[in-house]
Amino acid sequence: MLIDWSQRIIQTKIVYYGPAMSGKTASIRALFHRLNILSRLESIETTSGRTLFFDYGPIELSQGEWIIQIHIWSATGQDYYAETRSTVLAGTDGIVFVADSNPELIRENQRCWEELRGFYGDRLGAQLPVVFALNKRDIWPAISRFDFINSLGLNGSSQIFETVATQGLFTLEILQDILRKILLGSNLAQPKKIGT
C-alpha cells in the first residue's frame, strides 16, 4: 500500500484469485457494473472469452479528505498461464479468493488455495487479508459451506460470502470487507510513505 500524506491519497491493490471458470471475471465485471464504471475495466481474453492473463480496473473512492485508489486485478485460473499468476500477485494488499460451488470441482479449489498458500505461507490471512467468495450458489447441487471450509482447512473466522457473480450478489460487500481489512489491518502499520 502506498500513502501520499501530502496529497491525502491511499493506493492499494486487490487481486481476485481462484480456479479457472470460478467467476473471477464475472465478479469484477458485476462490481464495476454496480459502480457504473464498467468502461474502466480492461480484460485480456482468449477468442473464447476466457481470461488470458488478467483483468484490470481502477476504482477511486473519497473518504473525508482522503482519496482511496483501488487497483483491482484478476489472476488467470488456467494452468497454461500459471506462470503469470505470481506476476499479477506482486505488490498485493488483499485477496478475494473466488471458489466454485460445484462439488466436482472441490479439488480445483483446493489446488488453487494451496498454490496461493505456497506464494505467501503464514502471511496469508495473518498479514495479507483474504475474503472468500463461494461463487455459483445458484447451482444444484452446490457444496455446503461446512464442506467448503473443511476442504480448504479454514478456521471459523474466515469471511465467506456466498455469491452469484452473474447477478452481482455481494460484490460491493466483498469490496468493502477486503478494503476494511486492508486499511485497518497490519498492512497499514508500516506503509511506504511518499510525498512527506
Protein backbone atom coordinates (compact mmCIF):
# COMPACT_ATOMS: atom_id res chain seq x y z
CA MET A 1 0.00 0.00 0.00
CA LEU A 2 1.21 3.49 -0.81
CA ILE A 3 0.17 6.53 1.20
CA ASP A 4 0.81 10.03 -0.10
CA TRP A 5 0.36 12.13 3.03
CA SER A 6 0.69 15.49 1.26
CA GLN A 7 -1.96 14.71 -1.37
CA ARG A 8 -4.01 12.52 1.02
CA ILE A 9 -4.11 9.60 -1.41
CA ILE A 10 -4.02 5.92 -0.49
CA GLN A 11 -3.27 3.41 -3.25
CA THR A 12 -4.00 -0.26 -2.75
CA LYS A 13 -4.07 -3.41 -4.87
CA ILE A 14 -6.65 -6.21 -4.63
CA VAL A 15 -6.36 -9.44 -6.61
CA TYR A 16 -9.23 -11.84 -7.37
CA TYR A 17 -7.73 -15.31 -7.32
CA GLY A 18 -9.20 -18.78 -7.85
CA PRO A 19 -9.64 -21.71 -10.21
CA ALA A 20 -10.41 -21.35 -13.90
CA MET A 21 -14.06 -20.54 -14.62
CA SER A 22 -14.89 -19.97 -10.95
CA GLY A 23 -16.25 -16.49 -11.70
CA LYS A 24 -13.40 -14.06 -11.07
CA THR A 25 -14.01 -12.02 -14.20
CA ALA A 26 -17.78 -12.17 -13.73
CA SER A 27 -17.35 -10.94 -10.13
CA ILE A 28 -15.20 -8.00 -11.19
CA ARG A 29 -17.50 -7.13 -14.09
CA ALA A 30 -20.51 -7.17 -11.75
CA LEU A 31 -18.67 -4.92 -9.27
CA PHE A 32 -17.72 -2.38 -11.94
CA HIS A 33 -21.23 -2.54 -13.37
CA ARG A 34 -22.77 -1.80 -9.95
CA LEU A 35 -20.39 1.14 -9.54
CA ASN A 36 -21.34 2.31 -13.05
CA ILE A 37 -17.69 2.29 -14.19
CA LEU A 38 -17.65 -0.81 -16.41
CA SER A 39 -15.85 1.18 -19.13
CA ARG A 40 -12.76 1.36 -16.87
CA LEU A 41 -12.33 -2.41 -16.83
CA GLU A 42 -9.69 -3.89 -19.14
CA SER A 43 -9.60 -7.61 -19.93
CA ILE A 44 -7.13 -9.65 -21.92
CA GLU A 45 -9.16 -12.61 -23.14
CA THR A 46 -8.84 -15.57 -25.46
CA THR A 47 -11.08 -15.81 -28.52
CA SER A 48 -13.44 -17.98 -26.44
CA GLY A 49 -13.86 -15.19 -23.84
CA ARG A 50 -11.69 -16.73 -21.12
CA THR A 51 -9.19 -14.55 -19.29
CA LEU A 52 -5.81 -14.87 -20.95
CA PHE A 53 -3.58 -13.04 -18.46
CA PHE A 54 -5.64 -10.78 -16.20
CA ASP A 55 -8.47 -8.30 -15.81
CA TYR A 56 -7.63 -4.85 -14.50
CA GLY A 57 -9.58 -1.79 -13.47
CA PRO A 58 -9.17 1.20 -11.14
CA ILE A 59 -11.74 2.35 -8.59
CA GLU A 60 -11.49 5.69 -6.81
CA LEU A 61 -13.35 6.45 -3.59
CA SER A 62 -13.46 9.51 -1.35
CA GLN A 63 -13.33 9.16 2.42
CA GLY A 64 -13.40 12.57 4.09
CA GLU A 65 -10.31 14.45 2.90
CA TRP A 66 -8.72 11.25 1.61
CA ILE A 67 -8.89 9.64 -1.83
CA ILE A 68 -8.59 5.85 -1.97
CA GLN A 69 -7.37 4.50 -5.30
CA ILE A 70 -8.08 0.77 -5.57
CA HIS A 71 -6.41 -1.25 -8.31
CA ILE A 72 -8.47 -4.38 -9.00
CA TRP A 73 -6.79 -7.31 -10.74
CA SER A 74 -7.67 -10.91 -11.50
CA ALA A 75 -5.18 -13.73 -11.91
CA THR A 76 -5.96 -16.23 -14.64
CA GLY A 77 -7.01 -19.65 -13.36
CA GLN A 78 -5.93 -21.54 -16.47
CA ASP A 79 -2.94 -23.80 -15.83
CA TYR A 80 -1.49 -22.97 -19.24
CA TYR A 81 -0.85 -19.41 -17.99
CA ALA A 82 0.14 -20.34 -14.42
CA GLU A 83 3.47 -18.52 -14.73
CA THR A 84 1.65 -15.17 -14.94
CA ARG A 85 -0.06 -15.54 -11.54
CA SER A 86 2.97 -14.65 -9.40
CA THR A 87 3.50 -11.52 -11.51
CA VAL A 88 -0.11 -10.41 -11.06
CA LEU A 89 0.16 -11.06 -7.30
CA ALA A 90 3.24 -8.83 -6.88
CA GLY A 91 2.50 -5.97 -4.51
CA THR A 92 -0.91 -7.27 -3.50
CA ASP A 93 -2.51 -5.80 -0.37
CA GLY A 94 -5.56 -8.09 -0.26
CA ILE A 95 -7.01 -11.14 -1.98
CA VAL A 96 -10.55 -12.13 -2.90
CA PHE A 97 -10.46 -15.91 -3.31
CA VAL A 98 -13.25 -16.89 -5.74
CA ALA A 99 -14.17 -20.56 -5.32
CA ASP A 100 -16.51 -22.73 -7.38
CA SER A 101 -19.54 -24.24 -5.60
CA ASN A 102 -19.62 -27.28 -7.90
CA PRO A 103 -18.79 -30.29 -5.65
CA GLU A 104 -16.98 -31.91 -8.58
CA LEU A 105 -14.53 -29.00 -8.66
CA ILE A 106 -13.56 -29.02 -4.98
CA ARG A 107 -10.10 -30.33 -5.87
CA GLU A 108 -9.60 -27.33 -8.14
CA ASN A 109 -10.48 -25.01 -5.25
CA GLN A 110 -8.05 -26.91 -3.01
CA ARG A 111 -5.26 -26.86 -5.58
CA CYS A 112 -5.64 -23.13 -6.13
CA TRP A 113 -5.75 -22.40 -2.39
CA GLU A 114 -2.61 -24.48 -1.81
CA GLU A 115 -0.87 -22.65 -4.64
CA LEU A 116 -1.75 -19.32 -3.04
CA ARG A 117 -0.50 -20.56 0.34
CA GLY A 118 2.70 -21.60 -1.42
CA PHE A 119 3.25 -18.00 -2.51
CA TYR A 120 2.60 -16.42 0.91
CA GLY A 121 2.96 -19.11 3.59
CA ASP A 122 1.93 -17.96 7.07
CA ARG A 123 1.46 -14.37 5.88
CA LEU A 124 -1.71 -15.40 4.03
CA GLY A 125 -4.68 -14.34 6.13
CA ALA A 126 -2.49 -13.17 9.02
CA GLN A 127 -0.74 -10.23 7.33
CA LEU A 128 -2.30 -10.40 3.86
CA PRO A 129 -6.10 -10.15 4.19
CA VAL A 130 -8.26 -12.70 2.36
CA VAL A 131 -12.00 -12.72 1.76
CA PHE A 132 -13.69 -15.77 0.23
CA ALA A 133 -16.37 -15.62 -2.44
CA LEU A 134 -18.03 -19.05 -2.63
CA ASN A 135 -19.50 -18.46 -6.06
CA LYS A 136 -22.22 -20.10 -8.16
CA ARG A 137 -24.55 -20.66 -5.20
CA ASP A 138 -27.41 -20.90 -7.68
CA ILE A 139 -26.26 -24.30 -8.99
CA TRP A 140 -27.56 -27.60 -7.69
CA PRO A 141 -26.13 -29.48 -6.02
CA ALA A 142 -23.75 -26.95 -4.51
CA ILE A 143 -21.07 -27.78 -1.96
CA SER A 144 -22.13 -26.96 1.57
CA ARG A 145 -20.45 -24.09 3.37
CA PHE A 146 -19.24 -26.58 6.01
CA ASP A 147 -17.65 -28.89 3.42
CA PHE A 148 -16.01 -25.92 1.71
CA ILE A 149 -14.45 -24.70 4.97
CA ASN A 150 -13.19 -28.21 5.78
CA SER A 151 -11.85 -28.87 2.28
CA LEU A 152 -9.62 -25.78 2.41
CA GLY A 153 -8.74 -26.20 6.10
CA LEU A 154 -10.14 -22.79 7.00
CA ASN A 155 -10.97 -21.66 10.50
CA GLY A 156 -14.27 -20.32 11.71
CA SER A 157 -13.12 -16.70 11.48
CA SER A 158 -12.66 -16.78 7.69
CA GLN A 159 -15.01 -14.32 5.97
CA ILE A 160 -17.04 -16.24 3.36
CA PHE A 161 -19.62 -14.62 1.10
CA GLU A 162 -21.97 -16.93 -0.79
CA THR A 163 -22.18 -15.29 -4.20
CA VAL A 164 -23.77 -15.45 -7.62
CA ALA A 165 -21.38 -13.31 -9.66
CA THR A 166 -23.61 -13.21 -12.73
CA GLN A 167 -26.25 -11.48 -10.57
CA GLY A 168 -23.78 -9.21 -8.76
CA LEU A 169 -24.70 -10.74 -5.40
CA PHE A 170 -22.42 -9.37 -2.61
CA THR A 171 -19.93 -7.73 -5.00
CA LEU A 172 -19.96 -4.40 -3.15
CA GLU A 173 -19.93 -6.05 0.27
CA ILE A 174 -16.84 -8.07 -0.68
CA LEU A 175 -15.03 -4.93 -1.81
CA GLN A 176 -15.99 -3.12 1.40
CA ASP A 177 -14.86 -6.03 3.57
CA ILE A 178 -11.48 -6.59 1.94
CA LEU A 179 -10.82 -2.84 1.85
CA ARG A 180 -11.67 -2.55 5.55
CA LYS A 181 -9.30 -5.43 6.34
CA ILE A 182 -6.52 -3.81 4.31
CA LEU A 183 -6.90 -0.35 5.82
CA LEU A 184 -7.36 -1.49 9.41
CA GLY A 185 -5.03 -4.49 9.30
CA SER A 186 -1.34 -4.87 9.81
CA ASN A 187 -0.55 -3.58 6.32
CA LEU A 188 -1.39 -0.04 7.44
CA ALA A 189 1.00 -0.20 10.37
CA GLN A 190 4.13 0.29 8.22
CA PRO A 191 3.10 1.70 4.83
CA LYS A 192 5.52 3.14 2.33
CA LYS A 193 5.32 6.91 2.67
CA ILE A 194 5.61 9.20 -0.31
CA GLY A 195 5.25 12.97 -0.53
CA THR A 196 6.27 13.69 3.07
